[in-house]
Amino acid sequence: MSEPIRFYHRNAIREVSDAGVTRSVLQYLREDARCTGTKEGCAEGDCGACTVVVGERNAEGGVSFKAVNACIQFLPTLDGKALFTVEDLRQPDGSLHPVQQAMVDCHGSQCGFCTPGFVMSMWALYEKHGHEHGAAQGGGCAGKSACSVPSRDAIANALTGNLCRCTGYRPILDAAEQMFKLDGPKAPVDVKALGEVLATIERKDTFHYEHKGQQFDAPRTVEALAAIKEARPDTRILAGSTDIGLWVTKQMRELGNIVYVGQIDAMREIQVSDAFIEIGASVTVERAYAELAKHYPELEEMWLRFASLPIRNAGTIGGNVANGSPIGDSMPGLIALGARVVVRGGDVEREMPLEDLYLAYQKKDMAEHEFVLALKVPTRTGARANLKFRTYKVSKRFDSDISAVCAAFAFIADGDTVREPRIAFGGMAATPRRATHTEAVLADAQWHEATAQAAMIAMGNDYAPLSDMRATSDYRLEAAKNTLYRFWLETRPHDPLAPQALNVRAVAAETA
């Protein structure tokens, strides 16, 4: 029996029963709810004009807020959650929220088309710091004493999902700093009360929704998901919608029946043992990288450069792995670290090295009824305490861009000797793939410049990349070789180069 989609919006519980399964949150806002402050720019999660904030009840009974792209999120995924848009920021007496007032004071808006999206990304940051640092009644910042103002770099990172063609960003960044200095809102979000409201619409069992013969299921357990996939193997698995959403908005594809994995608690857990960091497939990219970076701080730049914050807030690590795109940024680093993937079909679970999952372009070692359950990344213990590891991304833009080449290198340093080298690339073949010829040159060799140069030559036997709009074949191969040389410069046994020596922006700042 079909149930209505229930979510909190504009100070009330909303019930929707006549929307298409793949109707986007943006379409609902603009066409049904008549909340037209949220704009459509790209319809693919790039420009941020459609940014909204979704609140979800957390384990503590409060609410966690995250900025996401409304244009590629399907409305049924809002079930049990809270939705906030720019219309919600206006105060009861008609005054502006500090986020909005700061944009006015700092001249952060010109044509105004992108402004609501920026405002909502800023509001998510405002709420995060207010709640984290004990603002009055859990409702945003109540002045300097109630919150810790994030750095300008942190602000810039929070706004990576928002593009503006008018202001040049500086006044927007100024506004994001200024908003924390203004008096707090007169009616802040009471997260405790909101959590109690969301508890009343929280479902204990699978949420089932139908529209014109198309089904949408959101199970609560792995067992329920396995049963759905076993009974209807062609049911499309939906996680963060950061790729599948584009199939609808750009390719106008019909997706058939959908099963949403974003409400399965067991798949949203991260467990750390002495041997592995086990990450559930439904853990968001943002949370996954936050945990991985604790163990492997070398991943921090890749974390920031992986798409944008709204995409990382929605997209899942399991979805990125299951998608298997040759230009997916998570796989090379995970493969270099020796990650293993756990898949399940029915009652059967099996585990394999991540690189073995990919057989050919868009072809994986998975039956139709199987799904990715979790990833297991080895911890940095024992001999791995001496692991040398780096990831590199070559793209036209620093933020929110697709890689031309994504490289990852790892080996265990035994004095000056290379042990167990693992090299993986994205953008160099039809799948994320290891460089076995290159690894063979490095294995048990002395880590000298001559060794690195020999490995660079061997790389030509590992890859014959394609030319496309992002890079030519020759450029990709040369760039891949150069990343290996940079790896040597950073990890050579004697006088390794410090990270700032290879950071173009840091060097430019010192010489300015």
Protein backbone atom coordinates (compact mmCIF):
# COMPACT_ATOMS: atom_id res chain seq x y z
CA MET A 1 0.00 0.00 0.00
CA SER A 2 1.38 3.37 -1.03
CA GLU A 3 2.01 5.91 1.71
CA PRO A 4 2.32 9.70 1.32
CA ILE A 5 5.72 11.40 1.46
CA ARG A 6 5.93 13.17 4.84
CA PHE A 7 8.42 15.91 5.63
CA TYR A 8 8.70 19.17 7.57
CA HIS A 9 8.62 22.39 5.53
CA ARG A 10 7.54 25.96 6.29
CA ASN A 11 6.72 25.23 9.95
CA ALA A 12 4.41 22.31 9.20
CA ILE A 13 4.37 18.62 8.33
CA ARG A 14 3.68 18.26 4.62
CA GLU A 15 2.17 15.19 2.97
CA VAL A 16 2.56 14.61 -0.76
CA SER A 17 0.92 11.70 -2.54
CA ASP A 18 0.60 12.85 -6.15
CA ALA A 19 4.23 13.56 -7.16
CA GLY A 20 6.25 11.46 -9.55
CA VAL A 21 8.85 9.17 -8.01
CA THR A 22 11.64 11.12 -9.73
CA ARG A 23 10.12 14.58 -9.25
CA SER A 24 12.93 16.74 -7.94
CA VAL A 25 12.82 18.75 -4.75
CA LEU A 26 13.40 21.84 -6.91
CA GLN A 27 10.35 21.11 -9.05
CA TYR A 28 8.25 20.62 -5.94
CA LEU A 29 9.43 23.92 -4.46
CA ARG A 30 8.95 26.07 -7.52
CA GLU A 31 5.89 24.49 -9.11
CA ASP A 32 3.94 22.99 -6.19
CA ALA A 33 4.91 24.88 -3.04
CA ARG A 34 5.43 28.15 -4.95
CA CYS A 35 8.67 28.81 -3.09
CA THR A 36 10.43 30.41 -6.02
CA GLY A 37 13.42 31.82 -4.16
CA THR A 38 15.27 28.60 -4.99
CA LYS A 39 16.52 28.86 -8.59
CA GLU A 40 17.32 26.44 -11.36
CA GLY A 41 20.64 27.09 -13.03
CA CYS A 42 22.30 23.94 -14.35
CA ALA A 43 19.98 21.11 -13.26
CA GLU A 44 23.02 18.92 -12.64
CA GLY A 45 24.32 19.93 -9.19
CA ASP A 46 27.13 22.20 -10.37
CA CYS A 47 26.10 25.85 -10.01
CA GLY A 48 24.42 25.84 -6.58
CA ALA A 49 21.57 28.22 -7.47
CA CYS A 50 19.16 25.56 -6.17
CA THR A 51 20.93 24.96 -2.84
CA VAL A 52 18.63 24.09 0.04
CA VAL A 53 19.30 22.75 3.52
CA VAL A 54 17.99 19.37 4.67
CA GLY A 55 17.68 18.56 8.35
CA GLU A 56 17.74 14.98 9.56
CA ARG A 57 17.19 13.66 13.07
CA ASN A 58 20.45 12.36 14.53
CA ALA A 59 21.30 9.76 17.17
CA GLU A 60 21.30 12.38 19.93
CA GLY A 61 17.71 13.36 19.15
CA GLY A 62 18.73 16.68 17.64
CA VAL A 63 18.96 17.59 13.98
CA SER A 64 21.92 17.61 11.60
CA PHE A 65 21.81 20.14 8.78
CA LYS A 66 23.48 19.87 5.40
CA ALA A 67 23.37 21.90 2.21
CA VAL A 68 22.37 19.90 -0.89
CA ASN A 69 21.37 20.54 -4.50
CA ALA A 70 17.58 20.49 -4.84
CA CYS A 71 17.75 20.02 -8.63
CA ILE A 72 18.97 16.41 -8.44
CA GLN A 73 17.35 15.22 -5.21
CA PHE A 74 14.16 13.23 -5.66
CA LEU A 75 11.21 14.32 -3.52
CA PRO A 76 10.49 10.90 -1.92
CA THR A 77 13.98 10.95 -0.34
CA LEU A 78 12.76 13.80 1.89
CA ASP A 79 10.46 11.45 3.78
CA GLY A 80 11.06 11.91 7.53
CA LYS A 81 13.33 14.92 7.06
CA ALA A 82 13.08 18.72 7.27
CA LEU A 83 13.49 21.05 4.29
CA PHE A 84 14.66 24.66 4.59
CA THR A 85 14.80 27.23 1.80
CA VAL A 86 15.64 30.91 1.59
CA GLU A 87 11.99 31.76 2.41
CA ASP A 88 12.51 30.29 5.89
CA LEU A 89 15.17 32.80 6.87
CA ARG A 90 12.88 35.81 7.10
CA GLN A 91 12.27 36.70 10.75
CA PRO A 92 8.76 36.90 12.28
CA ASP A 93 8.94 40.71 12.38
CA GLY A 94 10.01 40.86 8.73
CA SER A 95 13.66 41.60 9.45
CA LEU A 96 16.53 39.86 7.71
CA HIS A 97 18.45 36.93 9.12
CA PRO A 98 22.12 37.80 9.92
CA VAL A 99 23.16 35.74 6.89
CA GLN A 100 21.00 37.90 4.62
CA GLN A 101 21.91 41.15 6.35
CA ALA A 102 25.61 40.43 5.94
CA MET A 103 25.10 39.89 2.19
CA VAL A 104 23.43 43.31 2.00
CA ASP A 105 26.05 45.06 4.12
CA CYS A 106 28.97 43.56 2.20
CA HIS A 107 27.40 44.03 -1.28
CA GLY A 108 27.52 40.28 -1.87
CA SER A 109 24.76 40.27 -4.48
CA GLN A 110 24.43 41.87 -7.89
CA CYS A 111 22.06 40.20 -10.35
CA GLY A 112 20.82 38.07 -7.45
CA PHE A 113 20.17 34.84 -9.33
CA CYS A 114 22.77 32.84 -7.40
CA THR A 115 22.21 34.67 -4.10
CA PRO A 116 19.59 32.34 -2.55
CA GLY A 117 21.91 29.38 -3.07
CA PHE A 118 24.84 31.19 -1.49
CA VAL A 119 22.64 32.29 1.40
CA MET A 120 21.54 28.72 2.10
CA SER A 121 25.12 27.38 2.01
CA MET A 122 26.09 30.19 4.38
CA TRP A 123 23.10 29.45 6.62
CA ALA A 124 24.12 25.79 6.87
CA LEU A 125 27.57 26.93 7.97
CA TYR A 126 26.03 29.43 10.39
CA GLU A 127 23.80 26.79 11.95
CA LYS A 128 26.62 24.26 12.16
CA HIS A 129 28.91 26.58 14.10
CA GLY A 130 26.12 27.95 16.25
CA HIS A 131 24.95 24.50 17.34
CA GLU A 132 28.44 23.08 17.71
CA HIS A 133 29.46 25.86 20.07
CA GLY A 134 26.41 26.05 22.28
CA ALA A 135 24.29 28.91 21.01
CA ALA A 136 21.29 29.72 23.14
CA GLN A 137 18.62 27.00 22.89
CA GLY A 138 20.56 25.31 20.11
CA GLY A 139 19.50 27.93 17.60
CA GLY A 140 22.35 29.31 15.57
CA CYS A 141 24.87 31.92 16.60
CA ALA A 142 23.81 34.37 19.27
CA GLY A 143 26.88 36.56 18.92
CA LYS A 144 30.62 36.04 19.14
CA SER A 145 30.50 34.39 22.53
CA ALA A 146 28.19 31.64 21.32
CA CYS A 147 30.13 30.36 18.33
CA SER A 148 33.57 30.00 16.86
CA VAL A 149 33.95 31.87 13.59
CA PRO A 150 35.37 29.55 10.90
CA SER A 151 38.47 30.59 8.99
CA ARG A 152 38.22 32.20 5.57
CA ASP A 153 39.53 28.99 4.02
CA ALA A 154 36.82 27.00 5.81
CA ILE A 155 34.22 29.45 4.52
CA ALA A 156 35.57 29.15 0.97
CA ASN A 157 35.40 25.36 1.23
CA ALA A 158 31.78 25.57 2.41
CA LEU A 159 30.91 27.62 -0.68
CA THR A 160 32.58 25.39 -3.28
CA GLY A 161 29.19 24.30 -4.58
CA ASN A 162 28.05 27.84 -5.43
CA LEU A 163 29.04 29.75 -8.57
CA CYS A 164 28.61 33.47 -9.16
CA ARG A 165 29.24 35.39 -12.38
CA CYS A 166 28.96 38.90 -10.95
CA THR A 167 30.65 39.62 -7.64
CA GLY A 168 34.02 37.92 -7.90
CA TYR A 169 33.40 36.10 -4.59
CA ARG A 170 35.37 38.42 -2.30
CA PRO A 171 32.29 40.31 -1.00
CA ILE A 172 30.49 37.00 -0.50
CA LEU A 173 33.36 35.68 1.58
CA ASP A 174 33.36 38.96 3.48
CA ALA A 175 29.65 38.51 4.16
CA ALA A 176 30.20 34.96 5.42
CA GLU A 177 32.69 36.33 7.95
CA GLN A 178 30.47 39.29 8.85
CA MET A 179 27.36 37.17 9.53
CA PHE A 180 28.93 35.70 12.66
CA LYS A 181 29.50 39.19 14.07
CA LEU A 182 25.87 40.31 13.81
CA ASP A 183 23.23 39.80 16.48
CA GLY A 184 21.69 36.36 16.43
CA PRO A 185 18.30 35.71 14.79
CA LYS A 186 15.21 36.48 16.85
CA ALA A 187 13.70 33.08 16.00
CA PRO A 188 16.57 30.58 15.70
CA VAL A 189 15.94 26.98 14.79
CA ASP A 190 15.21 25.03 17.95
CA VAL A 191 16.89 21.75 17.08
CA LYS A 192 15.49 19.94 20.09
CA ALA A 193 11.92 20.85 19.18
CA LEU A 194 12.52 20.09 15.52
CA GLY A 195 14.00 16.72 16.46
CA GLU A 196 10.84 15.93 18.42
CA VAL A 197 8.69 16.86 15.41
CA LEU A 198 10.74 14.67 13.08
CA ALA A 199 10.45 11.80 15.56
CA THR A 200 6.67 11.83 15.02
CA ILE A 201 7.07 11.12 11.30
CA GLU A 202 9.99 8.73 11.57
CA ARG A 203 9.20 5.35 10.06
CA LYS A 204 10.18 2.05 11.64
CA ASP A 205 9.64 -0.12 8.58
CA THR A 206 10.10 0.19 4.83
CA PHE A 207 8.52 3.31 3.35
CA HIS A 208 6.62 2.37 0.20
CA TYR A 209 5.44 5.00 -2.27
CA GLU A 210 3.86 4.56 -5.69
CA HIS A 211 2.95 6.92 -8.51
CA LYS A 212 1.54 5.84 -11.87
CA GLY A 213 2.83 2.32 -11.48
CA GLN A 214 6.36 3.29 -10.48
CA GLN A 215 7.48 2.18 -7.03
CA PHE A 216 9.83 3.81 -4.52
CA ASP A 217 10.92 1.83 -1.46
CA ALA A 218 13.07 3.05 1.41
CA PRO A 219 13.89 0.05 3.61
CA ARG A 220 15.27 0.38 7.14
CA THR A 221 17.34 -2.80 7.22
CA VAL A 222 19.90 -4.55 5.02
CA GLU A 223 17.73 -7.65 5.08
CA ALA A 224 14.78 -5.72 3.67
CA LEU A 225 16.98 -4.24 0.93
CA ALA A 226 18.32 -7.69 0.05
CA ALA A 227 14.78 -9.08 -0.14
CA ILE A 228 13.65 -6.27 -2.47
CA LYS A 229 16.64 -6.75 -4.79
CA GLU A 230 16.20 -10.53 -4.79
CA ALA A 231 12.51 -10.29 -5.62
CA ARG A 232 12.96 -7.54 -8.24
CA PRO A 233 16.62 -7.57 -9.36
CA ASP A 234 16.09 -4.77 -11.89
CA THR A 235 15.04 -2.33 -9.16
CA ARG A 236 17.33 0.69 -9.37
CA ILE A 237 19.39 1.40 -6.24
CA LEU A 238 19.39 5.08 -5.29
CA ALA A 239 21.78 6.59 -2.78
CA GLY A 240 22.85 10.24 -3.04
CA SER A 241 21.34 10.85 -6.49
CA THR A 242 24.41 12.86 -7.54
CA ASP A 243 24.76 10.75 -10.68
CA ILE A 244 21.37 9.11 -11.15
CA GLY A 245 19.70 12.50 -10.74
CA LEU A 246 21.38 13.61 -13.97
CA TRP A 247 19.97 10.61 -15.80
CA VAL A 248 16.58 12.21 -15.23
CA THR A 249 17.37 15.93 -15.58
CA LYS A 250 19.75 15.63 -18.55
CA GLN A 251 18.92 12.37 -20.31
CA MET A 252 15.19 12.27 -19.51
CA ARG A 253 15.51 8.59 -18.62
CA GLU A 254 12.83 6.52 -16.99
CA LEU A 255 14.36 4.75 -13.99
CA GLY A 256 11.71 2.15 -13.30
CA ASN A 257 11.29 1.00 -9.70
CA ILE A 258 13.66 2.52 -7.15
CA VAL A 259 14.98 1.36 -3.79
CA TYR A 260 16.55 4.12 -1.67
CA VAL A 261 19.35 3.08 0.69
CA GLY A 262 19.68 6.38 2.55
CA GLN A 263 17.58 5.26 5.54
CA ILE A 264 19.40 2.02 6.40
CA ASP A 265 21.25 2.74 9.63
CA ALA A 266 23.52 -0.31 9.33
CA MET A 267 24.81 1.02 6.00
CA ARG A 268 25.43 4.47 7.43
CA GLU A 269 27.86 3.32 10.12
CA ILE A 270 31.64 3.67 10.32
CA GLN A 271 33.45 1.13 12.48
CA VAL A 272 37.17 1.25 13.21
CA SER A 273 39.09 -1.82 14.39
CA ASP A 274 42.78 -2.61 14.65
CA ALA A 275 42.71 -4.02 11.13
CA PHE A 276 40.16 -2.01 9.14
CA ILE A 277 38.17 1.19 8.80
CA GLU A 278 34.83 -0.27 7.73
CA ILE A 279 32.59 2.27 6.00
CA GLY A 280 28.96 1.47 5.20
CA ALA A 281 27.99 2.01 1.59
CA SER A 282 25.43 4.69 2.51
CA VAL A 283 27.93 6.85 4.41
CA THR A 284 28.22 10.19 2.64
CA VAL A 285 31.43 11.09 0.86
CA GLU A 286 31.90 13.96 3.33
CA ARG A 287 31.69 11.70 6.39
CA ALA A 288 33.78 8.97 4.78
CA TYR A 289 36.64 11.30 3.92
CA ALA A 290 36.45 12.97 7.32
CA GLU A 291 37.11 9.59 8.92
CA LEU A 292 39.70 8.43 6.39
CA ALA A 293 41.64 11.68 6.74
CA LYS A 294 42.08 10.97 10.45
CA HIS A 295 44.09 7.89 9.53
CA TYR A 296 45.50 9.12 6.22
CA PRO A 297 45.89 12.92 6.35
CA GLU A 298 47.38 12.72 2.84
CA LEU A 299 43.74 12.49 1.66
CA GLU A 300 42.78 15.95 2.92
CA GLU A 301 43.33 17.76 -0.39
CA MET A 302 41.47 15.09 -2.34
CA TRP A 303 38.67 15.37 0.21
CA LEU A 304 38.32 19.09 -0.50
CA ARG A 305 38.66 18.66 -4.25
CA PHE A 306 36.11 15.86 -4.52
CA ALA A 307 33.25 17.68 -6.26
CA SER A 308 31.70 20.30 -3.92
CA LEU A 309 30.40 20.26 -0.37
CA PRO A 310 26.70 19.86 -1.35
CA ILE A 311 27.65 16.92 -3.58
CA ARG A 312 29.78 15.35 -0.84
CA ASN A 313 26.89 15.91 1.60
CA ALA A 314 24.53 13.92 -0.62
CA GLY A 315 26.70 11.47 -2.53
CA THR A 316 27.78 8.25 -0.84
CA ILE A 317 31.10 6.45 -0.86
CA GLY A 318 29.33 3.20 -1.78
CA GLY A 319 27.54 4.90 -4.65
CA ASN A 320 30.81 6.27 -6.02
CA VAL A 321 32.40 2.82 -5.82
CA ALA A 322 29.38 0.98 -7.24
CA ASN A 323 29.11 3.47 -10.10
CA GLY A 324 32.66 2.52 -11.10
CA SER A 325 33.21 5.57 -13.28
CA PRO A 326 36.72 5.64 -14.79
CA ILE A 327 36.97 9.23 -13.57
CA GLY A 328 35.58 8.65 -10.06
CA ASP A 329 37.97 10.27 -7.61
CA SER A 330 37.57 7.96 -4.62
CA MET A 331 38.67 4.69 -6.22
CA PRO A 332 42.37 5.31 -7.03
CA GLY A 333 43.18 6.29 -3.44
CA LEU A 334 41.15 3.43 -1.99
CA ILE A 335 42.75 0.90 -4.33
CA ALA A 336 46.24 2.18 -3.49
CA LEU A 337 45.44 1.73 0.19
CA GLY A 338 44.38 -1.87 -0.41
CA ALA A 339 40.67 -1.36 0.23
CA ARG A 340 38.29 -4.29 -0.03
CA VAL A 341 34.63 -4.13 -1.03
CA VAL A 342 31.82 -6.17 0.53
CA VAL A 343 28.87 -7.03 -1.69
CA ARG A 344 25.67 -8.80 -0.77
CA GLY A 345 23.00 -10.68 -2.66
CA GLY A 346 20.17 -12.33 -0.75
CA ASP A 347 21.69 -13.83 2.39
CA VAL A 348 25.16 -14.18 0.86
CA GLU A 349 27.99 -11.72 1.46
CA ARG A 350 31.31 -11.85 -0.33
CA GLU A 351 34.43 -9.72 -0.21
CA MET A 352 37.08 -8.87 -2.78
CA PRO A 353 39.89 -6.36 -3.43
CA LEU A 354 38.27 -3.20 -4.75
CA GLU A 355 40.19 -3.30 -8.04
CA ASP A 356 38.71 -6.75 -8.76
CA LEU A 357 35.19 -5.30 -8.75
CA TYR A 358 35.79 -3.58 -12.10
CA LEU A 359 35.83 -5.88 -15.12
CA ALA A 360 35.36 -3.42 -18.00
CA TYR A 361 33.67 -0.12 -18.75
CA GLN A 362 30.40 -0.07 -16.78
CA LYS A 363 30.79 -3.79 -16.10
CA LYS A 364 31.35 -5.05 -12.55
CA ASP A 365 31.73 -8.38 -10.82
CA MET A 366 28.23 -8.18 -9.37
CA ALA A 367 25.05 -10.09 -10.15
CA GLU A 368 21.95 -8.01 -10.83
CA HIS A 369 20.50 -8.70 -7.39
CA GLU A 370 23.73 -7.83 -5.55
CA PHE A 371 24.64 -4.48 -4.04
CA VAL A 372 27.66 -2.87 -2.39
CA LEU A 373 27.32 -3.23 1.37
CA ALA A 374 30.54 -1.71 2.73
CA LEU A 375 34.18 -0.82 2.15
CA LYS A 376 37.05 -1.99 4.32
CA VAL A 377 40.19 0.15 4.31
CA PRO A 378 43.27 -1.22 6.12
CA THR A 379 44.40 0.81 9.10
CA ARG A 380 47.90 2.24 9.41
CA THR A 381 49.22 -0.34 11.85
CA GLY A 382 52.19 -2.70 11.97
CA ALA A 383 54.44 -2.43 8.92
CA ARG A 384 51.93 0.01 7.42
CA ALA A 385 53.07 2.58 9.96
CA ASN A 386 55.86 3.24 7.43
CA LEU A 387 53.42 3.63 4.53
CA LYS A 388 54.27 6.34 2.01
CA PHE A 389 51.02 7.48 0.41
CA ARG A 390 49.84 10.34 -1.81
CA THR A 391 46.93 11.16 -4.08
CA TYR A 392 46.93 13.77 -6.86
CA LYS A 393 44.19 15.27 -8.98
CA VAL A 394 44.84 17.00 -12.30
CA SER A 395 41.91 19.11 -13.48
CA LYS A 396 41.24 22.48 -15.08
CA ARG A 397 39.69 23.94 -11.91
CA PHE A 398 40.83 23.35 -8.34
CA ASP A 399 37.29 23.07 -6.94
CA SER A 400 34.30 21.14 -8.19
CA ASP A 401 35.80 19.75 -11.39
CA ILE A 402 36.15 16.36 -13.02
CA SER A 403 39.63 14.87 -13.13
CA ALA A 404 41.63 14.55 -16.30
CA VAL A 405 43.96 12.33 -14.27
CA CYS A 406 43.56 11.08 -10.72
CA ALA A 407 46.62 9.32 -9.28
CA ALA A 408 47.34 7.40 -6.10
CA PHE A 409 50.63 5.90 -4.92
CA ALA A 410 51.49 3.83 -1.87
CA PHE A 411 54.32 1.64 -0.67
CA ILE A 412 55.83 0.50 2.62
CA ALA A 413 59.24 2.07 3.21
CA ASP A 414 61.81 -0.45 4.44
CA GLY A 415 64.72 1.91 4.91
CA ASP A 416 65.47 3.04 1.33
CA THR A 417 63.69 0.02 -0.17
CA VAL A 418 60.22 -0.03 -1.70
CA ARG A 419 57.95 -2.82 -0.43
CA GLU A 420 54.46 -3.73 -1.66
CA PRO A 421 53.97 -0.84 -4.10
CA ARG A 422 50.39 -0.10 -5.14
CA ILE A 423 49.65 2.43 -7.88
CA ALA A 424 46.18 3.23 -9.20
CA PHE A 425 44.82 5.78 -11.65
CA GLY A 426 41.50 7.20 -12.72
CA GLY A 427 41.01 8.80 -16.14
CA MET A 428 43.65 6.57 -17.73
CA ALA A 429 41.56 3.52 -18.72
CA ALA A 430 37.99 2.29 -19.01
CA THR A 431 37.98 1.54 -15.28
CA PRO A 432 39.98 2.64 -12.24
CA ARG A 433 43.04 0.44 -12.65
CA ARG A 434 46.35 -0.46 -11.08
CA ALA A 435 49.65 0.11 -12.90
CA THR A 436 51.08 -3.39 -12.66
CA HIS A 437 54.13 -2.84 -14.92
CA THR A 438 55.06 0.26 -12.96
CA GLU A 439 54.61 -1.57 -9.67
CA ALA A 440 56.90 -4.36 -10.88
CA VAL A 441 59.71 -1.87 -11.52
CA LEU A 442 59.31 -0.42 -8.02
CA ALA A 443 58.93 -3.66 -6.05
CA ASP A 444 61.94 -4.27 -3.78
CA ALA A 445 63.94 -1.54 -5.54
CA GLN A 446 65.90 1.25 -3.91
CA TRP A 447 63.80 4.43 -3.80
CA HIS A 448 66.17 6.54 -5.89
CA GLU A 449 65.53 9.01 -8.68
CA ALA A 450 66.66 6.45 -11.25
CA THR A 451 64.03 4.03 -9.92
CA ALA A 452 61.33 6.68 -10.21
CA GLN A 453 62.37 7.49 -13.79
CA ALA A 454 62.38 3.81 -14.76
CA ALA A 455 58.88 3.47 -13.29
CA MET A 456 57.75 6.49 -15.29
CA ILE A 457 58.90 4.80 -18.49
CA ALA A 458 57.13 1.57 -17.52
CA MET A 459 53.87 3.44 -17.10
CA GLY A 460 53.59 3.61 -20.87
CA ASN A 461 53.02 -0.17 -20.80
CA ASP A 462 50.18 0.18 -18.29
CA TYR A 463 47.97 2.78 -19.95
CA ALA A 464 46.87 4.00 -23.38
CA PRO A 465 44.39 6.72 -22.33
CA LEU A 466 41.77 8.27 -24.57
CA SER A 467 41.59 11.86 -25.74
CA ASP A 468 38.48 13.84 -24.86
CA MET A 469 37.37 17.35 -23.93
CA ARG A 470 39.39 17.29 -20.71
CA ALA A 471 42.77 16.18 -22.04
CA THR A 472 44.54 14.45 -24.89
CA SER A 473 45.98 10.97 -24.56
CA ASP A 474 49.53 12.32 -24.64
CA TYR A 475 48.77 14.92 -21.97
CA ARG A 476 47.20 12.33 -19.69
CA LEU A 477 50.14 9.95 -19.95
CA GLU A 478 52.68 12.71 -19.41
CA ALA A 479 50.72 14.11 -16.47
CA ALA A 480 50.47 10.63 -14.95
CA LYS A 481 54.23 10.18 -15.21
CA ASN A 482 54.79 13.59 -13.65
CA THR A 483 52.61 12.74 -10.67
CA LEU A 484 54.87 9.76 -10.03
CA TYR A 485 57.92 12.02 -10.16
CA ARG A 486 56.25 14.41 -7.74
CA PHE A 487 55.54 11.46 -5.46
CA TRP A 488 59.25 10.67 -5.48
CA LEU A 489 60.13 14.29 -4.69
CA GLU A 490 57.80 14.26 -1.70
CA THR A 491 58.80 10.86 -0.34
CA ARG A 492 62.47 10.40 -1.27
CA PRO A 493 64.53 9.18 1.68
CA HIS A 494 66.84 12.17 1.70
CA ASP A 495 65.62 15.78 1.74
CA PRO A 496 61.98 15.17 0.71
CA LEU A 497 60.19 18.30 -0.43
CA ALA A 498 57.74 19.75 2.06
CA PRO A 499 54.11 20.07 0.88
CA GLN A 500 54.29 23.87 0.79
CA ALA A 501 57.23 23.68 -1.61
CA LEU A 502 54.95 22.04 -4.18
CA ASN A 503 51.87 24.15 -3.43
CA VAL A 504 51.54 26.72 -6.20
CA ARG A 505 49.34 29.00 -4.12
CA ALA A 506 51.69 28.90 -1.14
CA VAL A 507 54.74 29.65 -3.28
CA ALA A 508 52.89 32.50 -5.00
CA ALA A 509 51.93 33.98 -1.63
CA GLU A 510 55.55 33.90 -0.44
CA THR A 511 56.88 35.60 -3.56
CA ALA A 512 54.09 38.20 -3.85
